PDB file of N, CA and C in Angstrom:
ATOM      1  N   MET A   1      60.347  49.851  92.990  1.00  0.00           N
ATOM      2  CA  MET A   1      61.017  50.427  94.130  1.00  0.00           C
ATOM      3  C   MET A   1      60.009  50.649  95.238  1.00  0.00           C
ATOM      4  N   SER A   2      60.470  50.429  96.392  1.00  0.00           N
ATOM      5  CA  SER A   2      59.560  50.616  97.510  1.00  0.00           C
ATOM      6  C   SER A   2      59.539  52.081  97.911  1.00  0.00           C
ATOM      7  N   ALA A   3      58.521  52.432  98.607  1.00  0.00           N
ATOM      8  CA  ALA A   3      58.364  53.813  99.074  1.00  0.00           C
ATOM      9  C   ALA A   3      59.500  54.184 100.018  1.00  0.00           C
ATOM     10  N   LEU A   4      59.962  53.235 100.777  1.00  0.00           N
ATOM     11  CA  LEU A   4      61.048  53.478 101.716  1.00  0.00           C
ATOM     12  C   LEU A   4      62.336  53.839 100.976  1.00  0.00           C
ATOM     13  N   ALA A   5      62.592  53.173  99.885  1.00  0.00           N
ATOM     14  CA  ALA A   5      63.786  53.458  99.091  1.00  0.00           C
ATOM     15  C   ALA A   5      63.692  54.845  98.470  1.00  0.00           C
ATOM     16  N   ILE A   6      62.526  55.210  97.985  1.00  0.00           N
ATOM     17  CA  ILE A   6      62.334  56.539  97.389  1.00  0.00           C
ATOM     18  C   ILE A   6      62.545  57.621  98.447  1.00  0.00           C
ATOM     19  N   ILE A   7      61.989  57.397  99.622  1.00  0.00           N
ATOM     20  CA  ILE A   7      62.151  58.362 100.720  1.00  0.00           C
ATOM     21  C   ILE A   7      63.623  58.483 101.096  1.00  0.00           C
ATOM     22  N   ALA A   8      64.325  57.373 101.145  1.00  0.00           N
ATOM     23  CA  ALA A   8      65.750  57.387 101.480  1.00  0.00           C
ATOM     24  C   ALA A   8      66.541  58.157 100.430  1.00  0.00           C
ATOM     25  N   ILE A   9      66.215  57.974  99.162  1.00  0.00           N
ATOM     26  CA  ILE A   9      66.913  58.692  98.087  1.00  0.00           C
ATOM     27  C   ILE A   9      66.640  60.189  98.184  1.00  0.00           C
ATOM     28  N   VAL A  10      65.383  60.557  98.418  1.00  0.00           N
ATOM     29  CA  VAL A  10      65.017  61.972  98.537  1.00  0.00           C
ATOM     30  C   VAL A  10      65.719  62.596  99.745  1.00  0.00           C
ATOM     31  N   VAL A  11      65.708  61.911 100.869  1.00  0.00           N
ATOM     32  CA  VAL A  11      66.378  62.419 102.074  1.00  0.00           C
ATOM     33  C   VAL A  11      67.878  62.549 101.824  1.00  0.00           C
ATOM     34  N   GLY A  12      68.459  61.573 101.171  1.00  0.00           N
ATOM     35  CA  GLY A  12      69.891  61.630 100.840  1.00  0.00           C
ATOM     36  C   GLY A  12      70.199  62.803  99.926  1.00  0.00           C
ATOM     37  N   ALA A  13      69.338  63.027  98.934  1.00  0.00           N
ATOM     38  CA  ALA A  13      69.535  64.150  98.010  1.00  0.00           C
ATOM     39  C   ALA A  13      69.421  65.474  98.757  1.00  0.00           C
ATOM     40  N   LEU A  14      68.474  65.570  99.672  1.00  0.00           N
ATOM     41  CA  LEU A  14      68.317  66.799 100.466  1.00  0.00           C
ATOM     42  C   LEU A  14      69.526  67.043 101.361  1.00  0.00           C
ATOM     43  N   ILE A  15      70.065  65.972 101.909  1.00  0.00           N
ATOM     44  CA  ILE A  15      71.259  66.110 102.748  1.00  0.00           C
ATOM     45  C   ILE A  15      72.443  66.591 101.914  1.00  0.00           C
ATOM     46  N   VAL A  16      72.607  65.998 100.739  1.00  0.00           N
ATOM     47  CA  VAL A  16      73.693  66.411  99.839  1.00  0.00           C
ATOM     48  C   VAL A  16      73.505  67.873  99.445  1.00  0.00           C
ATOM     49  N   LEU A  17      72.286  68.263  99.122  1.00  0.00           N
ATOM     50  CA  LEU A  17      71.989  69.643  98.760  1.00  0.00           C
ATOM     51  C   LEU A  17      72.300  70.587  99.923  1.00  0.00           C
ATOM     52  N   ALA A  18      71.938  70.207 101.140  1.00  0.00           N
ATOM     53  CA  ALA A  18      72.216  71.031 102.324  1.00  0.00           C
ATOM     54  C   ALA A  18      73.715  71.184 102.538  1.00  0.00           C
ATOM     55  N   VAL A  19      74.477  70.128 102.338  1.00  0.00           N
ATOM     56  CA  VAL A  19      75.938  70.173 102.488  1.00  0.00           C
ATOM     57  C   VAL A  19      76.545  71.098 101.436  1.00  0.00           C
ATOM     58  N   VAL A  20      76.058  71.005 100.198  1.00  0.00           N
ATOM     59  CA  VAL A  20      76.570  71.869  99.130  1.00  0.00           C
ATOM     60  C   VAL A  20      76.267  73.338  99.429  1.00  0.00           C
ATOM     61  N   VAL A  21      75.049  73.626  99.862  1.00  0.00           N
ATOM     62  CA  VAL A  21      74.661  75.002 100.197  1.00  0.00           C
ATOM     63  C   VAL A  21      75.523  75.519 101.345  1.00  0.00           C
ATOM     64  N   ALA A  22      75.731  74.706 102.367  1.00  0.00           N
ATOM     65  CA  ALA A  22      76.567  75.117 103.500  1.00  0.00           C
ATOM     66  C   ALA A  22      78.001  75.400 103.057  1.00  0.00           C
ATOM     67  N   ALA A  23      78.521  74.567 102.167  1.00  0.00           N
ATOM     68  CA  ALA A  23      79.880  74.765 101.670  1.00  0.00           C
ATOM     69  C   ALA A  23      79.975  76.056 100.858  1.00  0.00           C
ATOM     70  N   LEU A  24      78.965  76.342 100.040  1.00  0.00           N
ATOM     71  CA  LEU A  24      78.961  77.572  99.250  1.00  0.00           C
ATOM     72  C   LEU A  24      78.888  78.804 100.149  1.00  0.00           C
ATOM     73  N   ARG A  25      78.045  78.751 101.161  1.00  0.00           N
ATOM     74  CA  ARG A  25      77.948  79.873 102.105  1.00  0.00           C
ATOM     75  C   ARG A  25      79.267  80.088 102.829  1.00  0.00           C
ATOM     76  N   SER A  26      79.873  79.010 103.251  1.00  0.00           N
ATOM     77  CA  SER A  26      81.155  79.098 103.947  1.00  0.00           C
ATOM     78  C   SER A  26      82.225  79.713 103.054  1.00  0.00           C
ATOM     79  N   ALA A  27      82.254  79.290 101.811  1.00  0.00           N
ATOM     80  CA  ALA A  27      83.235  79.841 100.868  1.00  0.00           C
ATOM     81  C   ALA A  27      82.975  81.317 100.640  1.00  0.00           C
ATOM     82  N   GLN A  28      81.719  81.703 100.533  1.00  0.00           N
ATOM     83  CA  GLN A  28      81.379  83.110 100.330  1.00  0.00           C
ATOM     84  C   GLN A  28      81.785  83.937 101.554  1.00  0.00           C
ATOM     85  N   GLN A  29      81.539  83.418 102.743  1.00  0.00           N
ATOM     86  CA  GLN A  29      81.913  84.138 103.956  1.00  0.00           C
ATOM     87  C   GLN A  29      83.438  84.297 104.048  1.00  0.00           C
ATOM     88  N   ARG A  30      84.177  83.253 103.703  1.00  0.00           N
ATOM     89  CA  ARG A  30      85.641  83.343 103.705  1.00  0.00           C
ATOM     90  C   ARG A  30      86.123  84.383 102.702  1.00  0.00           C
ATOM     91  N   ARG A  31      85.499  84.404 101.545  1.00  0.00           N
ATOM     92  CA  ARG A  31      85.879  85.360 100.501  1.00  0.00           C
ATOM     93  C   ARG A  31      85.594  86.791 100.978  1.00  0.00           C
ATOM     94  N   GLU A  32      84.420  87.012 101.561  1.00  0.00           N
ATOM     95  CA  GLU A  32      84.068  88.342 102.075  1.00  0.00           C
ATOM     96  C   GLU A  32      85.009  88.750 103.204  1.00  0.00           C
ATOM     97  N   PHE A  33      85.318  87.811 104.078  1.00  0.00           N
ATOM     98  CA  PHE A  33      86.245  88.104 105.177  1.00  0.00           C
ATOM     99  C   PHE A  33      87.616  88.475 104.627  1.00  0.00           C
ATOM    100  N   GLY A  34      88.058  87.757 103.611  1.00  0.00           N
ATOM    101  CA  GLY A  34      89.344  88.063 102.978  1.00  0.00           C
ATOM    102  C   GLY A  34      89.342  89.449 102.363  1.00  0.00           C
ATOM    103  N   GLN A  35      88.242  89.839 101.743  1.00  0.00           N
ATOM    104  CA  GLN A  35      88.147  91.166 101.154  1.00  0.00           C
ATOM    105  C   GLN A  35      88.187  92.250 102.233  1.00  0.00           C
ATOM    106  N   VAL A  36      87.496  92.003 103.325  1.00  0.00           N
ATOM    107  CA  VAL A  36      87.502  92.963 104.438  1.00  0.00           C
ATOM    108  C   VAL A  36      88.905  93.079 105.024  1.00  0.00           C
ATOM    109  N   GLN A  37      89.579  91.956 105.176  1.00  0.00           N
ATOM    110  CA  GLN A  37      90.944  91.965 105.702  1.00  0.00           C
ATOM    111  C   GLN A  37      91.881  92.726 104.774  1.00  0.00           C
ATOM    112  N   THR A  38      91.750  92.497 103.486  1.00  0.00           N
ATOM    113  CA  THR A  38      92.595  93.180 102.506  1.00  0.00           C
ATOM    114  C   THR A  38      92.354  94.683 102.560  1.00  0.00           C
ATOM    115  N   GLU A  39      91.104  95.081 102.631  1.00  0.00           N
ATOM    116  CA  GLU A  39      90.774  96.503 102.709  1.00  0.00           C
ATOM    117  C   GLU A  39      91.323  97.117 103.999  1.00  0.00           C
ATOM    118  N   ALA A  40      91.217  96.381 105.089  1.00  0.00           N
ATOM    119  CA  ALA A  40      91.750  96.879 106.366  1.00  0.00           C
ATOM    120  C   ALA A  40      93.261  97.039 106.293  1.00  0.00           C
ATOM    121  N   GLN A  41      93.939  96.105 105.657  1.00  0.00           N
ATOM    122  CA  GLN A  41      95.396  96.207 105.519  1.00  0.00           C
ATOM    123  C   GLN A  41      95.778  97.392 104.641  1.00  0.00           C
ATOM    124  N   ARG A  42      95.021  97.631 103.589  1.00  0.00           N
ATOM    125  CA  ARG A  42      95.286  98.796 102.736  1.00  0.00           C
ATOM    126  C   ARG A  42      95.080 100.087 103.511  1.00  0.00           C
ATOM    127  N   ASP A  43      93.980 100.150 104.262  1.00  0.00           N
ATOM    128  CA  ASP A  43      93.715 101.338 105.079  1.00  0.00           C
ATOM    129  C   ASP A  43      94.834 101.547 106.096  1.00  0.00           C
ATOM    130  N   ASP A  44      95.307 100.461 106.670  1.00  0.00           N
ATOM    131  CA  ASP A  44      96.388 100.539 107.645  1.00  0.00           C
ATOM    132  C   ASP A  44      97.668 101.060 106.994  1.00  0.00           C
ATOM    133  N   ALA A  45      97.947 100.585 105.789  1.00  0.00           N
ATOM    134  CA  ALA A  45      99.135 101.045 105.065  1.00  0.00           C
ATOM    135  C   ALA A  45      99.029 102.531 104.751  1.00  0.00           C
ATOM    136  N   VAL A  46      97.846 102.979 104.329  1.00  0.00           N
ATOM    137  CA  VAL A  46      97.639 104.397 104.041  1.00  0.00           C
ATOM    138  C   VAL A  46      97.846 105.216 105.309  1.00  0.00           C
ATOM    139  N   HIS A  47      97.310 104.720 106.411  1.00  0.00           N
ATOM    140  CA  HIS A  47      97.459 105.421 107.694  1.00  0.00           C
ATOM    141  C   HIS A  47      98.933 105.565 108.065  1.00  0.00           C
ATOM    142  N   HIS A  48      99.698 104.494 107.897  1.00  0.00           N
ATOM    143  CA  HIS A  48     101.123 104.546 108.240  1.00  0.00           C
ATOM    144  C   HIS A  48     101.878 105.498 107.304  1.00  0.00           C
ATOM    145  N   ARG A  49     101.491 105.521 106.047  1.00  0.00           N
ATOM    146  CA  ARG A  49     102.138 106.467 105.115  1.00  0.00           C
ATOM    147  C   ARG A  49     101.833 107.905 105.505  1.00  0.00           C
ATOM    148  N   GLU A  50     100.587 108.161 105.901  1.00  0.00           N
ATOM    149  CA  GLU A  50     100.220 109.505 106.335  1.00  0.00           C
ATOM    150  C   GLU A  50     101.003 109.905 107.581  1.00  0.00           C
ATOM    151  N   GLN A  51     101.133 108.972 108.514  1.00  0.00           N
ATOM    152  CA  GLN A  51     101.915 109.253 109.717  1.00  0.00           C
ATOM    153  C   GLN A  51     103.372 109.532 109.367  1.00  0.00           C
ATOM    154  N   ALA A  52     103.918 108.769 108.464  1.00  0.00           N
ATOM    155  CA  ALA A  52     105.307 108.966 108.050  1.00  0.00           C
ATOM    156  C   ALA A  52     105.480 110.345 107.426  1.00  0.00           C
ATOM    157  N   GLN A  53     104.534 110.740 106.601  1.00  0.00           N
ATOM    158  CA  GLN A  53     104.619 112.058 105.966  1.00  0.00           C
ATOM    159  C   GLN A  53     104.521 113.168 107.010  1.00  0.00           C
ATOM    160  N   GLU A  54     103.631 113.012 107.973  1.00  0.00           N
ATOM    161  CA  GLU A  54     103.512 114.001 109.051  1.00  0.00           C
ATOM    162  C   GLU A  54     104.816 114.102 109.837  1.00  0.00           C
ATOM    163  N   GLN A  55     105.436 112.963 110.112  1.00  0.00           N
ATOM    164  CA  GLN A  55     106.695 112.970 110.849  1.00  0.00           C
ATOM    165  C   GLN A  55     107.804 113.616 110.034  1.00  0.00           C
ATOM    166  N   ARG A  56     107.805 113.388 108.724  1.00  0.00           N
ATOM    167  CA  ARG A  56     108.811 114.043 107.875  1.00  0.00           C
ATOM    168  C   ARG A  56     108.617 115.559 107.902  1.00  0.00           C
ATOM    169  N   THR A  57     107.366 115.982 107.835  1.00  0.00           N
ATOM    170  CA  THR A  57     107.068 117.416 107.885  1.00  0.00           C
ATOM    171  C   THR A  57     107.522 118.003 109.206  1.00  0.00           C
ATOM    172  N   GLU A  58     107.208 117.315 110.307  1.00  0.00           N
ATOM    173  CA  GLU A  58     107.634 117.790 111.626  1.00  0.00           C
ATOM    174  C   GLU A  58     109.151 117.837 111.726  1.00  0.00           C
ATOM    175  N   ALA A  59     109.818 116.850 111.147  1.00  0.00           N
ATOM    176  CA  ALA A  59     111.281 116.823 111.177  1.00  0.00           C
ATOM    177  C   ALA A  59     111.852 117.993 110.370  1.00  0.00           C
ATOM    178  N   ALA A  60     111.238 118.291 109.231  1.00  0.00           N
ATOM    179  CA  ALA A  60     111.701 119.414 108.417  1.00  0.00           C
ATOM    180  C   ALA A  60     111.510 120.734 109.161  1.00  0.00           C
ATOM    181  N   ILE A  61     110.394 120.863 109.856  1.00  0.00           N
ATOM    182  CA  ILE A  61     110.142 122.078 110.639  1.00  0.00           C
ATOM    183  C   ILE A  61     111.159 122.189 111.770  1.00  0.00           C
ATOM    184  N   ALA A  62     111.413 121.080 112.442  1.00  0.00           N
ATOM    185  CA  ALA A  62     112.394 121.084 113.539  1.00  0.00           C
ATOM    186  C   ALA A  62     113.788 121.425 113.010  1.00  0.00           C
ATOM    187  N   GLU A  63     114.116 120.907 111.832  1.00  0.00           N
ATOM    188  CA  GLU A  63     115.423 121.198 111.237  1.00  0.00           C
ATOM    189  C   GLU A  63     115.531 122.687 110.909  1.00  0.00           C
ATOM    190  N   GLU A  64     114.470 123.251 110.377  1.00  0.00           N
ATOM    191  CA  GLU A  64     114.467 124.683 110.060  1.00  0.00           C
ATOM    192  C   GLU A  64     114.609 125.518 111.338  1.00  0.00           C
ATOM    193  N   ARG A  65     113.924 125.124 112.386  1.00  0.00           N
ATOM    194  CA  ARG A  65     114.039 125.834 113.674  1.00  0.00           C
ATOM    195  C   ARG A  65     115.461 125.742 114.215  1.00  0.00           C
ATOM    196  N   ALA A  66     116.054 124.559 114.064  1.00  0.00           N
ATOM    197  CA  ALA A  66     117.430 124.382 114.542  1.00  0.00           C
ATOM    198  C   ALA A  66     118.386 125.273 113.759  1.00  0.00           C
ATOM    199  N   LYS A  67     118.174 125.389 112.455  1.00  0.00           N
ATOM    200  CA  LYS A  67     119.020 126.263 111.641  1.00  0.00           C
ATOM    201  C   LYS A  67     118.860 127.716 112.079  1.00  0.00           C
ATOM    202  N   ARG A  68     117.635 128.129 112.309  1.00  0.00           N
ATOM    203  CA  ARG A  68     117.386 129.505 112.761  1.00  0.00           C
ATOM    204  C   ARG A  68     118.032 129.748 114.119  1.00  0.00           C
ATOM    205  N   ALA A  69     117.915 128.781 115.001  1.00  0.00           N
ATOM    206  CA  ALA A  69     118.514 128.924 116.332  1.00  0.00           C
ATOM    207  C   ALA A  69     120.034 129.035 116.214  1.00  0.00           C
ATOM    208  N   GLU A  70     120.630 128.275 115.312  1.00  0.00           N
ATOM    209  CA  GLU A  70     122.077 128.336 115.101  1.00  0.00           C
ATOM    210  C   GLU A  70     122.485 129.708 114.572  1.00  0.00           C
ATOM    211  N   VAL A  71     121.719 130.222 113.628  1.00  0.00           N
ATOM    212  CA  VAL A  71     122.011 131.552 113.081  1.00  0.00           C
ATOM    213  C   VAL A  71     121.879 132.607 114.174  1.00  0.00           C
ATOM    214  N   GLU A  72     120.836 132.508 114.979  1.00  0.00           N
ATOM    215  CA  GLU A  72     120.662 133.461 116.081  1.00  0.00           C
ATOM    216  C   GLU A  72     121.805 133.358 117.083  1.00  0.00           C
ATOM    217  N   ALA A  73     122.254 132.147 117.348  1.00  0.00           N
ATOM    218  CA  ALA A  73     123.375 131.958 118.267  1.00  0.00           C
ATOM    219  C   ALA A  73     124.640 132.592 117.697  1.00  0.00           C
ATOM    220  N   GLN A  74     124.862 132.416 116.413  1.00  0.00           N
ATOM    221  CA  GLN A  74     126.037 133.025 115.775  1.00  0.00           C
ATOM    222  C   GLN A  74     125.953 134.544 115.825  1.00  0.00           C
ATOM    223  N   LEU A  75     124.767 135.092 115.558  1.00  0.00           N
ATOM    224  CA  LEU A  75     124.599 136.547 115.643  1.00  0.00           C
ATOM    225  C   LEU A  75     124.859 137.053 117.051  1.00  0.00           C
ATOM    226  N   ASN A  76     124.351 136.343 118.030  1.00  0.00           N
ATOM    227  CA  ASN A  76     124.583 136.750 119.417  1.00  0.00           C
ATOM    228  C   ASN A  76     126.061 136.656 119.771  1.00  0.00           C
ATOM    229  N   GLU A  77     126.723 135.644 119.237  1.00  0.00           N
ATOM    230  CA  GLU A  77     128.165 135.510 119.485  1.00  0.00           C
ATOM    231  C   GLU A  77     128.920 136.675 118.848  1.00  0.00           C
ATOM    232  N   GLU A  78     128.542 137.042 117.618  1.00  0.00           N
ATOM    233  CA  GLU A  78     129.176 138.182 116.951  1.00  0.00           C
ATOM    234  C   GLU A  78     128.925 139.475 117.715  1.00  0.00           C
ATOM    235  N   ARG A  79     127.710 139.642 118.194  1.00  0.00           N
ATOM    236  CA  ARG A  79     127.389 140.839 118.987  1.00  0.00           C
ATOM    237  C   ARG A  79     128.221 140.874 120.263  1.00  0.00           C
ATOM    238  N   ALA A  80     128.359 139.725 120.889  1.00  0.00           N
ATOM    239  CA  ALA A  80     129.156 139.657 122.129  1.00  0.00           C
ATOM    240  C   ALA A  80     130.598 140.029 121.827  1.00  0.00           C
ATOM    241  N   GLU A  81     131.143 139.531 120.737  1.00  0.00           N
ATOM    242  CA  GLU A  81     132.539 139.845 120.381  1.00  0.00           C
ATOM    243  C   GLU A  81     132.693 141.328 120.104  1.00  0.00           C
ATOM    244  N   ARG A  82     131.728 141.925 119.394  1.00  0.00           N
ATOM    245  CA  ARG A  82     131.774 143.366 119.118  1.00  0.00           C
ATOM    246  C   ARG A  82     131.731 144.172 120.404  1.00  0.00           C
ATOM    247  N   ARG A  83     130.871 143.752 121.309  1.00  0.00           N
ATOM    248  CA  ARG A  83     130.761 144.467 122.592  1.00  0.00           C
ATOM    249  C   ARG A  83     132.074 144.375 123.370  1.00  0.00           C
ATOM    250  N   GLU A  84     132.679 143.181 123.334  1.00  0.00           N
ATOM    251  CA  GLU A  84     133.949 143.008 124.034  1.00  0.00           C
ATOM    252  C   GLU A  84     135.033 143.872 123.410  1.00  0.00           C
ATOM    253  N   GLN A  85     135.001 144.012 122.094  1.00  0.00           N
ATOM    254  CA  GLN A  85     135.998 144.831 121.412  1.00  0.00           C
ATOM    255  C   GLN A  85     135.766 146.323 121.701  1.00  0.00           C
ATOM    256  N   GLU A  86     134.522 146.705 121.915  1.00  0.00           N
ATOM    257  CA  GLU A  86     134.224 148.097 122.221  1.00  0.00           C
ATOM    258  C   GLU A  86     134.716 148.498 123.612  1.00  0.00           C
ATOM    259  N   VAL A  87     134.795 147.542 124.505  1.00  0.00           N
ATOM    260  CA  VAL A  87     135.166 147.827 125.900  1.00  0.00           C
ATOM    261  C   VAL A  87     136.613 148.009 126.044  1.00  0.00           C
TER     262      VAL A  87
END
């Protein structure tokens, strides 16, 4: 074999090795990116659940306030009727 052929084989092998390494790095980066995306989506889901729970709590508080306001309105109405009957 001539020296030129040996050099060509070595250069070809190095090129193949470089392509394989690049492909492995690319696959690893895609995998890491996918993991980061998955974690971000999970965090986002947790955030939305927390917001939903906060809104439910606020709604329950508002409902309780509305009930109290209704009771107070009824009491005031009863007081008004009593006052009218006293007159």
